[in-house]
Amino acid sequence: MAEWFNNDFLGISIGRYATALGIMLAAYICKKIFAILFTRVILPLAQRTSKELDDRFLTCLQKPAEFLVFLIGLFIALQVLQLPSEPFDFARLATALLKAVVIFDVAWFLFNLVDMVDHYLGSWAARTESTLDDHLAPLIRKTLRIFIVVMAGLMAIQTFGYPVTGVLASLGIGGLAFALAAKDTVSNIFGSLMIIFDRPFQVGDWVKAGELEGTVEEVGFRSTKIRTFAKTLICVPNNIIANMALDNYSRMPKRRIRLTVGVSYQTTPALMREAVSRIRELLRTHPAIDQEFFLVNFTDFGASSLDIMVYCFTGTTVWADYLDAREDVCLKIMDILEELGLEIAFPSTTVYLRHDDPEPDPARPRLAES
């Protein structure tokens, strides 16, 4: 048995293979034990404290720390194996691979840590009145994650003997092609920054841009997501929506009611004056109508009616409440016209027929009557 363990395979004895395998198995068992201790001992101790910071920090650390325990065992196993450096330097390759994995493990922890930073940024943004930080918080989260991934990739490349400066220089060769391909992406990012700093809308606003109308759900790096009233979700590139004429209905301090009430031409001037006066009094006393400004005037002799313009605003901007107020105003105007005996006109045409008998011409000879 001892002789069999002394046999070599690729310059390494079977015994060292078995020892390295045993160390890796032990490292895996230690990883499982550490996970149990972390879950049942360390986390409950942290939860006894009054602050939430340590709980979130340990949650971000748990999985990367468990994997690090296994990596320590893997490192010991590599030392036991003593990989050959001839004819190919396996030892250097294994060490570089192990370093790269450690780098990504640390990046994993930092990537998780961004969630904790995002939580506290979101809590801070919720306490402020400005909506700017509400948009900045998710952008900061995405930026930090992209930065961590890129830096981890560059550091991992450097562990294989490729200098970062050389990698960045080689990227410059295809820089022009990359810039052309990423032109729309860059313009979308600048569009998102314009949306954040100009603040034409925020999440939850009801907006209309061209044929697009709905509620803003998310403002991202590349696009803005709008939920239409048909419950479909539309993603609009930020460089497009930032350059569109946009109506933000959620910014209205009040909603407008504009009506044209047409009464028939049988209406007398006295009844018209009374109708205008009573409609004005209706708006003046209506609880849903804003009293800062309203107009009621007899304005036009229409094709089929005498037109009264009613122009006012509701104090509420909620769509359902506005419709209720508009309906109540219309019904009460109908009540006023009914009380005055006025008819609401509808499009109609009156045709006058005229028949003139020609005068007898004395010069024309008359036929003899038989």
Protein backbone atom coordinates (compact mmCIF):
# COMPACT_ATOMS: atom_id res chain seq x y z
CA MET A 1 0.00 0.00 0.00
CA ALA A 2 2.84 2.33 0.90
CA GLU A 3 4.52 1.56 -2.42
CA TRP A 4 1.29 2.36 -4.28
CA PHE A 5 1.05 5.74 -2.54
CA ASN A 6 4.64 6.44 -3.58
CA ASN A 7 3.80 6.00 -7.25
CA ASP A 8 4.00 9.21 -9.28
CA PHE A 9 1.46 10.72 -11.63
CA LEU A 10 2.53 13.83 -13.56
CA GLY A 11 5.46 14.16 -11.17
CA ILE A 12 3.28 14.09 -8.03
CA SER A 13 2.91 11.10 -5.76
CA ILE A 14 -0.46 9.43 -5.21
CA GLY A 15 -0.05 10.09 -1.49
CA ARG A 16 0.12 13.85 -2.02
CA TYR A 17 -2.97 13.66 -4.23
CA ALA A 18 -4.80 11.81 -1.49
CA THR A 19 -3.61 14.26 1.17
CA ALA A 20 -4.67 17.28 -0.92
CA LEU A 21 -8.06 15.68 -1.56
CA GLY A 22 -8.46 15.03 2.17
CA ILE A 23 -7.57 18.64 2.96
CA MET A 24 -10.16 19.90 0.44
CA LEU A 25 -12.79 17.57 1.94
CA ALA A 26 -11.92 18.84 5.41
CA ALA A 27 -12.14 22.42 4.13
CA TYR A 28 -15.59 21.72 2.75
CA ILE A 29 -16.68 20.28 6.11
CA CYS A 30 -15.20 23.33 7.89
CA LYS A 31 -17.15 25.55 5.51
CA LYS A 32 -20.40 23.80 6.48
CA ILE A 33 -19.58 24.02 10.21
CA PHE A 34 -18.70 27.70 9.84
CA ALA A 35 -22.02 28.32 8.07
CA ILE A 36 -23.92 26.67 10.94
CA LEU A 37 -21.99 28.66 13.57
CA PHE A 38 -22.52 31.86 11.63
CA THR A 39 -26.26 31.27 11.33
CA ARG A 40 -26.92 29.97 14.84
CA VAL A 41 -24.39 31.89 16.94
CA ILE A 42 -22.96 35.01 15.28
CA LEU A 43 -26.14 36.31 13.65
CA PRO A 44 -28.31 35.84 16.79
CA LEU A 45 -25.71 37.71 18.84
CA ALA A 46 -25.80 40.59 16.36
CA GLN A 47 -29.60 40.63 16.40
CA ARG A 48 -29.57 41.28 20.14
CA THR A 49 -28.11 44.73 19.57
CA SER A 50 -30.42 47.68 19.01
CA LYS A 51 -28.76 48.77 15.78
CA GLU A 52 -29.52 47.27 12.38
CA LEU A 53 -26.12 48.06 10.86
CA ASP A 54 -24.30 44.99 12.22
CA ASP A 55 -27.13 42.66 11.12
CA ARG A 56 -26.97 43.88 7.53
CA PHE A 57 -23.16 43.84 7.51
CA LEU A 58 -23.01 40.22 8.67
CA THR A 59 -25.66 39.21 6.14
CA CYS A 60 -23.50 40.69 3.37
CA LEU A 61 -20.41 38.93 4.80
CA GLN A 62 -21.88 35.45 5.38
CA LYS A 63 -21.62 33.73 1.98
CA PRO A 64 -18.23 35.26 0.95
CA ALA A 65 -16.81 34.34 4.38
CA GLU A 66 -18.02 30.73 4.03
CA PHE A 67 -16.39 30.50 0.60
CA LEU A 68 -13.17 32.02 1.97
CA VAL A 69 -12.91 29.15 4.48
CA PHE A 70 -12.95 26.70 1.58
CA LEU A 71 -10.37 28.79 -0.31
CA ILE A 72 -8.02 28.58 2.67
CA GLY A 73 -8.25 24.79 2.51
CA LEU A 74 -7.67 24.93 -1.25
CA PHE A 75 -4.53 27.02 -0.67
CA ILE A 76 -3.18 24.48 1.82
CA ALA A 77 -3.96 21.65 -0.60
CA LEU A 78 -1.95 23.40 -3.34
CA GLN A 79 1.00 23.74 -0.98
CA VAL A 80 0.83 20.03 -0.24
CA LEU A 81 0.57 19.08 -3.92
CA GLN A 82 3.70 21.06 -4.86
CA LEU A 83 2.71 21.34 -8.50
CA PRO A 84 5.63 21.09 -10.96
CA SER A 85 7.00 24.08 -12.80
CA GLU A 86 8.44 22.05 -15.70
CA PRO A 87 7.71 21.59 -18.58
CA PHE A 88 4.79 23.91 -17.79
CA ASP A 89 4.57 26.11 -14.72
CA PHE A 90 1.44 24.58 -13.15
CA ALA A 91 2.30 26.05 -9.75
CA ARG A 92 2.25 29.60 -11.07
CA LEU A 93 -1.01 29.03 -12.96
CA ALA A 94 -2.70 27.51 -9.90
CA THR A 95 -1.51 30.39 -7.71
CA ALA A 96 -2.81 32.94 -10.22
CA LEU A 97 -6.16 31.16 -10.42
CA LEU A 98 -6.41 31.06 -6.62
CA LYS A 99 -5.60 34.77 -6.37
CA ALA A 100 -8.25 35.56 -9.00
CA VAL A 101 -10.85 33.54 -7.09
CA VAL A 102 -9.94 35.36 -3.86
CA ILE A 103 -10.32 38.69 -5.68
CA PHE A 104 -13.78 37.72 -6.88
CA ASP A 105 -14.69 36.54 -3.39
CA VAL A 106 -13.77 39.96 -1.98
CA ALA A 107 -15.68 41.57 -4.87
CA TRP A 108 -18.65 39.37 -3.96
CA PHE A 109 -18.60 40.79 -0.43
CA LEU A 110 -18.32 44.37 -1.71
CA PHE A 111 -21.10 43.70 -4.23
CA ASN A 112 -23.34 42.57 -1.36
CA LEU A 113 -22.26 45.56 0.69
CA VAL A 114 -23.73 47.85 -1.96
CA ASP A 115 -27.19 46.60 -0.91
CA MET A 116 -26.56 47.92 2.59
CA VAL A 117 -25.35 51.25 1.23
CA ASP A 118 -28.42 51.41 -1.03
CA HIS A 119 -30.72 50.70 1.95
CA TYR A 120 -29.35 53.59 3.97
CA LEU A 121 -29.28 55.90 0.96
CA GLY A 122 -32.94 55.04 0.31
CA SER A 123 -33.83 55.69 3.96
CA TRP A 124 -32.04 59.03 3.85
CA ALA A 125 -33.72 59.97 0.57
CA ALA A 126 -37.15 59.10 1.97
CA ARG A 127 -36.65 61.58 4.82
CA THR A 128 -35.90 64.49 2.50
CA GLU A 129 -38.47 66.54 0.60
CA SER A 130 -36.43 66.68 -2.59
CA THR A 131 -37.06 64.00 -5.22
CA LEU A 132 -33.56 64.36 -6.70
CA ASP A 133 -31.99 61.96 -4.18
CA ASP A 134 -34.77 59.41 -4.82
CA HIS A 135 -33.46 59.09 -8.39
CA LEU A 136 -29.79 59.31 -7.40
CA ALA A 137 -29.94 56.38 -4.94
CA PRO A 138 -30.57 53.63 -7.56
CA LEU A 139 -28.08 55.24 -9.94
CA ILE A 140 -25.40 55.21 -7.23
CA ARG A 141 -26.17 51.53 -6.53
CA LYS A 142 -25.77 50.57 -10.19
CA THR A 143 -22.62 52.67 -10.59
CA LEU A 144 -20.93 51.11 -7.54
CA ARG A 145 -21.74 47.59 -8.72
CA ILE A 146 -20.41 48.23 -12.21
CA PHE A 147 -17.24 49.76 -10.72
CA ILE A 148 -16.69 46.75 -8.42
CA VAL A 149 -17.13 44.24 -11.25
CA VAL A 150 -14.81 46.14 -13.60
CA MET A 151 -12.09 46.59 -10.97
CA ALA A 152 -12.30 42.93 -9.94
CA GLY A 153 -11.95 41.89 -13.58
CA LEU A 154 -8.92 44.12 -14.11
CA MET A 155 -7.23 42.90 -10.92
CA ALA A 156 -7.90 39.28 -11.87
CA ILE A 157 -6.34 39.86 -15.30
CA GLN A 158 -3.30 41.40 -13.61
CA THR A 159 -2.77 38.25 -11.51
CA PHE A 160 -2.11 36.31 -14.74
CA GLY A 161 0.80 38.61 -15.58
CA TYR A 162 -1.00 41.07 -17.84
CA PRO A 163 -0.42 44.65 -16.63
CA VAL A 164 -3.56 46.74 -16.25
CA THR A 165 -1.96 49.60 -18.18
CA GLY A 166 -1.40 47.27 -21.13
CA VAL A 167 -4.99 46.07 -20.97
CA LEU A 168 -6.29 49.63 -20.93
CA ALA A 169 -3.96 50.55 -23.80
CA SER A 170 -5.16 47.60 -25.84
CA LEU A 171 -8.73 48.78 -25.30
CA GLY A 172 -7.75 52.03 -26.99
CA ILE A 173 -7.18 50.18 -30.27
CA GLY A 174 -10.86 49.42 -30.54
CA GLY A 175 -11.87 52.65 -28.83
CA LEU A 176 -13.34 54.23 -31.93
CA ALA A 177 -15.47 51.21 -32.77
CA PHE A 178 -16.57 50.94 -29.15
CA ALA A 179 -17.48 54.64 -29.05
CA LEU A 180 -19.60 54.30 -32.16
CA ALA A 181 -21.33 51.22 -30.80
CA ALA A 182 -21.90 52.83 -27.40
CA LYS A 183 -23.05 56.19 -28.75
CA ASP A 184 -26.70 55.54 -27.94
CA THR A 185 -25.82 54.15 -24.51
CA VAL A 186 -23.78 57.22 -23.61
CA SER A 187 -26.51 59.55 -24.86
CA ASN A 188 -29.04 57.62 -22.75
CA ILE A 189 -26.85 58.04 -19.67
CA PHE A 190 -26.60 61.79 -20.26
CA GLY A 191 -30.34 61.82 -20.85
CA SER A 192 -30.89 60.18 -17.47
CA LEU A 193 -28.68 62.81 -15.83
CA MET A 194 -30.70 65.55 -17.52
CA ILE A 195 -33.91 63.98 -16.20
CA ILE A 196 -32.46 63.78 -12.69
CA PHE A 197 -31.18 67.36 -12.53
CA ASP A 198 -33.96 69.07 -14.52
CA ARG A 199 -36.61 67.00 -12.72
CA PRO A 200 -39.39 67.21 -15.34
CA PHE A 201 -41.02 64.26 -13.56
CA GLN A 202 -40.48 61.78 -10.77
CA VAL A 203 -41.50 58.20 -10.06
CA GLY A 204 -45.28 58.03 -9.69
CA ASP A 205 -46.07 61.08 -11.89
CA TRP A 206 -48.72 60.97 -14.60
CA VAL A 207 -47.04 62.22 -17.78
CA LYS A 208 -47.84 62.55 -21.46
CA ALA A 209 -45.23 62.86 -24.21
CA GLY A 210 -46.54 62.71 -27.77
CA GLU A 211 -48.71 59.61 -28.07
CA LEU A 212 -47.24 58.18 -24.87
CA GLU A 213 -49.22 58.61 -21.65
CA GLY A 214 -49.00 56.85 -18.31
CA THR A 215 -47.39 56.72 -14.86
CA VAL A 216 -43.61 56.77 -14.40
CA GLU A 217 -42.43 53.58 -12.66
CA GLU A 218 -38.64 53.78 -12.87
CA VAL A 219 -35.89 56.07 -14.15
CA GLY A 220 -32.81 54.01 -15.02
CA PHE A 221 -29.44 54.56 -16.68
CA ARG A 222 -30.70 53.67 -20.14
CA SER A 223 -34.46 54.09 -20.13
CA THR A 224 -37.51 55.31 -18.28
CA LYS A 225 -40.30 52.80 -17.63
CA ILE A 226 -43.85 54.12 -17.99
CA ARG A 227 -46.94 52.14 -17.08
CA THR A 228 -49.76 53.07 -19.46
CA PHE A 229 -53.42 53.19 -18.45
CA ALA A 230 -53.90 49.98 -20.45
CA LYS A 231 -51.46 48.43 -17.90
CA THR A 232 -48.74 47.85 -20.49
CA LEU A 233 -45.15 48.79 -19.66
CA ILE A 234 -43.24 51.00 -22.11
CA CYS A 235 -39.46 51.53 -21.90
CA VAL A 236 -38.47 54.86 -23.46
CA PRO A 237 -34.75 55.61 -24.04
CA ASN A 238 -33.73 58.53 -21.86
CA ASN A 239 -32.14 60.48 -24.71
CA ILE A 240 -35.54 60.48 -26.48
CA ILE A 241 -37.77 61.37 -23.54
CA ALA A 242 -35.34 64.07 -22.36
CA ASN A 243 -35.82 65.89 -25.68
CA MET A 244 -39.61 65.52 -25.94
CA ALA A 245 -42.22 68.11 -25.04
CA LEU A 246 -43.75 66.56 -21.94
CA ASP A 247 -46.95 67.30 -20.01
CA ASN A 248 -46.77 66.42 -16.32
CA TYR A 249 -50.36 66.19 -15.14
CA SER A 250 -49.25 65.40 -11.59
CA ARG A 251 -47.79 68.91 -11.27
CA MET A 252 -51.17 70.59 -11.80
CA PRO A 253 -52.19 72.53 -8.66
CA LYS A 254 -55.84 72.28 -9.78
CA ARG A 255 -57.87 70.90 -12.70
CA ARG A 256 -59.74 72.93 -15.28
CA ILE A 257 -63.40 72.65 -16.23
CA ARG A 258 -64.33 74.32 -19.52
CA LEU A 259 -67.89 74.02 -20.80
CA THR A 260 -69.95 75.60 -23.54
CA VAL A 261 -73.64 75.57 -22.64
CA GLY A 262 -75.85 76.24 -25.67
CA VAL A 263 -79.47 77.35 -25.20
CA SER A 264 -82.05 77.77 -27.92
CA TYR A 265 -82.64 80.99 -29.85
CA GLN A 266 -86.05 81.35 -28.21
CA THR A 267 -84.25 82.54 -25.07
CA THR A 268 -84.97 86.17 -24.19
CA PRO A 269 -82.23 88.59 -23.04
CA ALA A 270 -83.75 88.70 -19.55
CA LEU A 271 -83.69 84.93 -19.21
CA MET A 272 -80.12 84.84 -20.56
CA ARG A 273 -78.98 87.35 -17.91
CA GLU A 274 -80.74 85.34 -15.21
CA ALA A 275 -79.15 82.08 -16.39
CA VAL A 276 -75.64 83.60 -16.42
CA SER A 277 -76.16 85.11 -12.97
CA ARG A 278 -77.40 81.88 -11.42
CA ILE A 279 -74.59 79.79 -12.92
CA ARG A 280 -72.07 82.27 -11.48
CA GLU A 281 -73.73 81.93 -8.09
CA LEU A 282 -73.55 78.14 -8.45
CA LEU A 283 -69.78 78.25 -8.98
CA ARG A 284 -69.34 80.78 -6.18
CA THR A 285 -70.99 78.48 -3.64
CA HIS A 286 -69.88 75.08 -4.91
CA PRO A 287 -67.46 73.43 -2.41
CA ALA A 288 -65.41 71.64 -5.09
CA ILE A 289 -64.76 74.75 -7.21
CA ASP A 290 -61.64 76.83 -6.62
CA GLN A 291 -62.71 80.39 -5.83
CA GLU A 292 -59.55 82.09 -7.03
CA PHE A 293 -60.73 82.38 -10.62
CA PHE A 294 -63.82 81.43 -12.63
CA LEU A 295 -65.77 82.92 -15.54
CA VAL A 296 -69.38 82.63 -16.74
CA ASN A 297 -70.34 84.72 -19.78
CA PHE A 298 -72.71 84.76 -22.74
CA THR A 299 -70.12 84.69 -25.49
CA ASP A 300 -71.46 83.68 -28.92
CA PHE A 301 -74.37 83.53 -31.29
CA GLY A 302 -73.69 80.02 -32.49
CA ALA A 303 -75.00 78.32 -35.60
CA SER A 304 -77.69 76.52 -33.60
CA SER A 305 -77.49 78.01 -30.10
CA LEU A 306 -76.77 80.96 -27.86
CA ASP A 307 -73.52 79.94 -26.15
CA ILE A 308 -72.62 80.44 -22.48
CA MET A 309 -68.98 79.80 -21.57
CA VAL A 310 -68.32 78.24 -18.16
CA TYR A 311 -64.66 78.30 -17.13
CA CYS A 312 -63.47 77.24 -13.68
CA PHE A 313 -61.09 74.98 -11.74
CA THR A 314 -61.58 72.23 -9.19
CA GLY A 315 -59.60 72.31 -5.97
CA THR A 316 -58.69 68.63 -6.32
CA THR A 317 -56.36 67.13 -8.92
CA VAL A 318 -57.43 63.54 -8.29
CA TRP A 319 -59.00 62.25 -11.50
CA ALA A 320 -61.99 60.50 -9.91
CA ASP A 321 -62.80 63.45 -7.60
CA TYR A 322 -62.47 65.85 -10.52
CA LEU A 323 -64.97 63.86 -12.59
CA ASP A 324 -67.41 63.83 -9.67
CA ALA A 325 -67.14 67.60 -9.33
CA ARG A 326 -67.55 68.15 -13.08
CA GLU A 327 -70.61 65.90 -13.16
CA ASP A 328 -72.21 67.76 -10.24
CA VAL A 329 -71.63 71.14 -11.89
CA CYS A 330 -73.17 69.94 -15.18
CA LEU A 331 -76.24 68.50 -13.45
CA LYS A 332 -76.83 71.67 -11.43
CA ILE A 333 -76.54 73.78 -14.59
CA MET A 334 -79.22 71.57 -16.12
CA ASP A 335 -81.38 72.15 -13.04
CA ILE A 336 -81.00 75.93 -13.42
CA LEU A 337 -81.96 75.87 -17.09
CA GLU A 338 -84.95 73.65 -16.35
CA GLU A 339 -86.15 76.00 -13.62
CA LEU A 340 -85.92 78.95 -16.01
CA GLY A 341 -87.74 77.05 -18.74
CA LEU A 342 -84.76 77.20 -21.11
CA GLU A 343 -84.01 74.49 -23.62
CA ILE A 344 -80.53 73.18 -24.27
CA ALA A 345 -79.97 73.60 -27.98
CA PHE A 346 -78.76 70.88 -30.27
CA PRO A 347 -77.41 71.20 -33.82
CA SER A 348 -80.34 71.86 -36.12
CA THR A 349 -81.09 73.55 -39.45
CA THR A 350 -84.17 75.63 -40.30
CA VAL A 351 -85.14 75.75 -43.96
CA TYR A 352 -87.37 78.62 -45.11
CA LEU A 353 -89.38 77.97 -48.29
CA ARG A 354 -90.65 80.98 -50.24
CA HIS A 355 -93.07 80.72 -53.14
CA ASP A 356 -93.83 83.92 -55.12
CA ASP A 357 -96.62 83.95 -57.81
CA PRO A 358 -95.52 85.94 -60.89
CA GLU A 359 -97.44 89.12 -61.69
CA PRO A 360 -99.64 88.89 -64.86
CA ASP A 361 -98.00 90.50 -67.87
CA PRO A 362 -100.56 92.68 -69.71
CA ALA A 363 -98.51 92.55 -72.92
CA ARG A 364 -98.63 88.79 -72.98
CA PRO A 365 -101.66 87.59 -75.03
CA ARG A 366 -104.08 85.60 -73.00
CA LEU A 367 -105.51 82.40 -74.29
CA ALA A 368 -109.15 82.49 -75.01
CA GLU A 369 -111.16 80.53 -72.61
CA SER A 370 -113.37 78.02 -74.28
